[in-house]
Amino acid sequence: MDGTLVSHPVIRWQLIAPDPEASSNFFRQLFGWRTDRNNALGYREVRAGNGGIHGGIWPAPEGVKPFVQLFVQVKDIDACLEKATKLGATVIVPKTALPDGNTMAVLLEPQGLSVAICTA
């Protein structure tokens, strides 16, 4: 590598929880985070405070353990997915258009960690 840092920032996060309302209440009481469901997909959107990265809380599918998912911004979803699969990743949610006009996909890196890639 030539030492140039390419910017692919973490721009969002989501918690996948068996009881999203209980998780939302916990973080609201603990950190004062504001949550609401005023979005096109109806999930609990979290405002993590001044300077924080905002996120969301989603219901976990039956039998899935809770986890945290990071959303990394990329310019080209297709190119990133191609590179990721060459590096051993598995795509678990293909490129998907979101109601707000952005696109996203979710992959598992070779050790099984889930990460979402998205346009801003």
Protein backbone atom coordinates (compact mmCIF):
# COMPACT_ATOMS: atom_id res chain seq x y z
CA MET A 1 0.00 0.00 0.00
CA ASP A 2 1.13 3.54 -0.67
CA GLY A 3 0.03 4.87 2.72
CA THR A 4 -3.01 6.69 1.35
CA LEU A 5 -6.02 6.31 3.61
CA VAL A 6 -9.21 5.70 1.66
CA SER A 7 -12.26 7.03 3.45
CA HIS A 8 -14.91 4.40 4.17
CA PRO A 9 -16.40 5.77 7.39
CA VAL A 10 -18.82 4.05 9.69
CA ILE A 11 -21.91 6.23 9.21
CA ARG A 12 -24.62 4.25 11.05
CA TRP A 13 -25.10 1.28 13.30
CA GLN A 14 -27.98 -0.94 14.24
CA LEU A 15 -28.77 -3.21 17.13
CA ILE A 16 -30.66 -6.40 16.37
CA ALA A 17 -32.56 -7.24 19.56
CA PRO A 18 -35.23 -9.76 20.57
CA ASP A 19 -37.19 -6.96 22.29
CA PRO A 20 -36.36 -3.70 20.48
CA GLU A 21 -38.63 -1.63 22.72
CA ALA A 22 -36.89 -2.87 25.88
CA SER A 23 -33.46 -2.13 24.33
CA SER A 24 -34.66 1.30 23.23
CA ASN A 25 -35.91 2.08 26.76
CA PHE A 26 -32.63 0.88 28.30
CA PHE A 27 -30.43 3.11 26.15
CA ARG A 28 -32.80 6.06 26.48
CA GLN A 29 -32.61 5.79 30.29
CA LEU A 30 -28.87 5.03 30.41
CA PHE A 31 -27.53 7.55 27.89
CA GLY A 32 -30.46 9.88 27.23
CA TRP A 33 -30.59 8.82 23.58
CA ARG A 34 -33.78 9.82 21.78
CA THR A 35 -35.66 7.21 19.78
CA ASP A 36 -38.62 7.42 17.43
CA ARG A 37 -40.27 5.38 14.70
CA ASN A 38 -40.91 8.24 12.25
CA ASN A 39 -39.21 6.64 9.26
CA ALA A 40 -40.25 4.76 6.14
CA LEU A 41 -39.30 1.33 7.57
CA GLY A 42 -40.81 1.74 11.05
CA TYR A 43 -37.73 0.76 13.06
CA ARG A 44 -36.62 2.55 16.22
CA GLU A 45 -34.29 5.29 15.01
CA VAL A 46 -31.75 6.38 17.63
CA ARG A 47 -30.29 9.86 17.99
CA ALA A 48 -27.09 9.22 19.90
CA GLY A 49 -26.37 12.81 20.90
CA ASN A 50 -24.27 15.67 19.62
CA GLY A 51 -21.28 14.36 17.67
CA GLY A 52 -22.47 10.75 17.92
CA ILE A 53 -23.19 8.35 15.11
CA HIS A 54 -26.92 7.75 14.92
CA GLY A 55 -28.36 4.28 14.51
CA GLY A 56 -31.39 2.10 14.86
CA ILE A 57 -32.85 -0.81 16.77
CA TRP A 58 -34.50 -3.64 14.83
CA PRO A 59 -36.29 -6.80 15.96
CA ALA A 60 -34.19 -9.95 15.78
CA PRO A 61 -35.56 -12.79 13.69
CA GLU A 62 -36.69 -15.84 15.66
CA GLY A 63 -33.69 -17.76 16.99
CA VAL A 64 -31.11 -15.09 16.09
CA LYS A 65 -28.90 -13.86 18.92
CA PRO A 66 -28.67 -10.08 19.44
CA PHE A 67 -25.82 -8.34 17.62
CA VAL A 68 -24.49 -4.95 16.57
CA GLN A 69 -24.12 -4.12 12.90
CA LEU A 70 -21.98 -1.31 11.50
CA PHE A 71 -22.83 0.49 8.26
CA VAL A 72 -19.77 1.48 6.24
CA GLN A 73 -20.13 4.07 3.49
CA VAL A 74 -18.83 3.10 0.05
CA LYS A 75 -19.14 4.83 -3.30
CA ASP A 76 -19.89 1.70 -5.34
CA ILE A 77 -21.83 -1.15 -3.70
CA ASP A 78 -21.30 -3.54 -6.62
CA ALA A 79 -17.53 -3.03 -6.72
CA CYS A 80 -17.28 -3.43 -2.95
CA LEU A 81 -19.33 -6.65 -3.00
CA GLU A 82 -17.16 -8.03 -5.79
CA LYS A 83 -13.98 -7.24 -3.86
CA ALA A 84 -15.44 -8.61 -0.61
CA THR A 85 -16.40 -11.94 -2.18
CA LYS A 86 -12.92 -12.25 -3.72
CA LEU A 87 -11.57 -11.77 -0.20
CA GLY A 88 -13.77 -14.59 1.11
CA ALA A 89 -16.93 -12.77 2.23
CA THR A 90 -20.44 -14.12 1.79
CA VAL A 91 -23.25 -11.79 0.75
CA ILE A 92 -26.28 -12.37 3.01
CA VAL A 93 -28.41 -9.39 1.88
CA PRO A 94 -27.86 -8.45 -1.76
CA LYS A 95 -27.76 -4.86 -2.95
CA THR A 96 -31.10 -3.35 -1.94
CA ALA A 97 -32.65 0.05 -2.66
CA LEU A 98 -33.98 1.75 0.47
CA PRO A 99 -37.03 4.04 0.60
CA ASP A 100 -34.81 7.08 1.21
CA GLY A 101 -32.99 6.50 -2.09
CA ASN A 102 -29.80 4.99 -0.66
CA THR A 103 -28.64 1.45 -1.33
CA MET A 104 -27.18 -1.14 1.00
CA ALA A 105 -26.01 -4.75 1.20
CA VAL A 106 -24.92 -6.97 4.08
CA LEU A 107 -22.05 -9.43 4.05
CA LEU A 108 -20.29 -11.80 6.38
CA GLU A 109 -16.55 -11.42 6.43
CA PRO A 110 -14.56 -14.70 6.37
CA GLN A 111 -14.77 -15.16 10.17
CA GLY A 112 -18.55 -14.63 10.17
CA LEU A 113 -18.83 -11.03 11.36
CA SER A 114 -21.70 -9.16 9.72
CA VAL A 115 -21.11 -5.73 8.18
CA ALA A 116 -23.38 -3.57 6.04
CA ILE A 117 -22.14 -1.44 3.20
CA CYS A 118 -24.17 1.52 2.03
CA THR A 119 -24.28 4.72 0.09
CA ALA A 120 -24.66 7.87 2.16
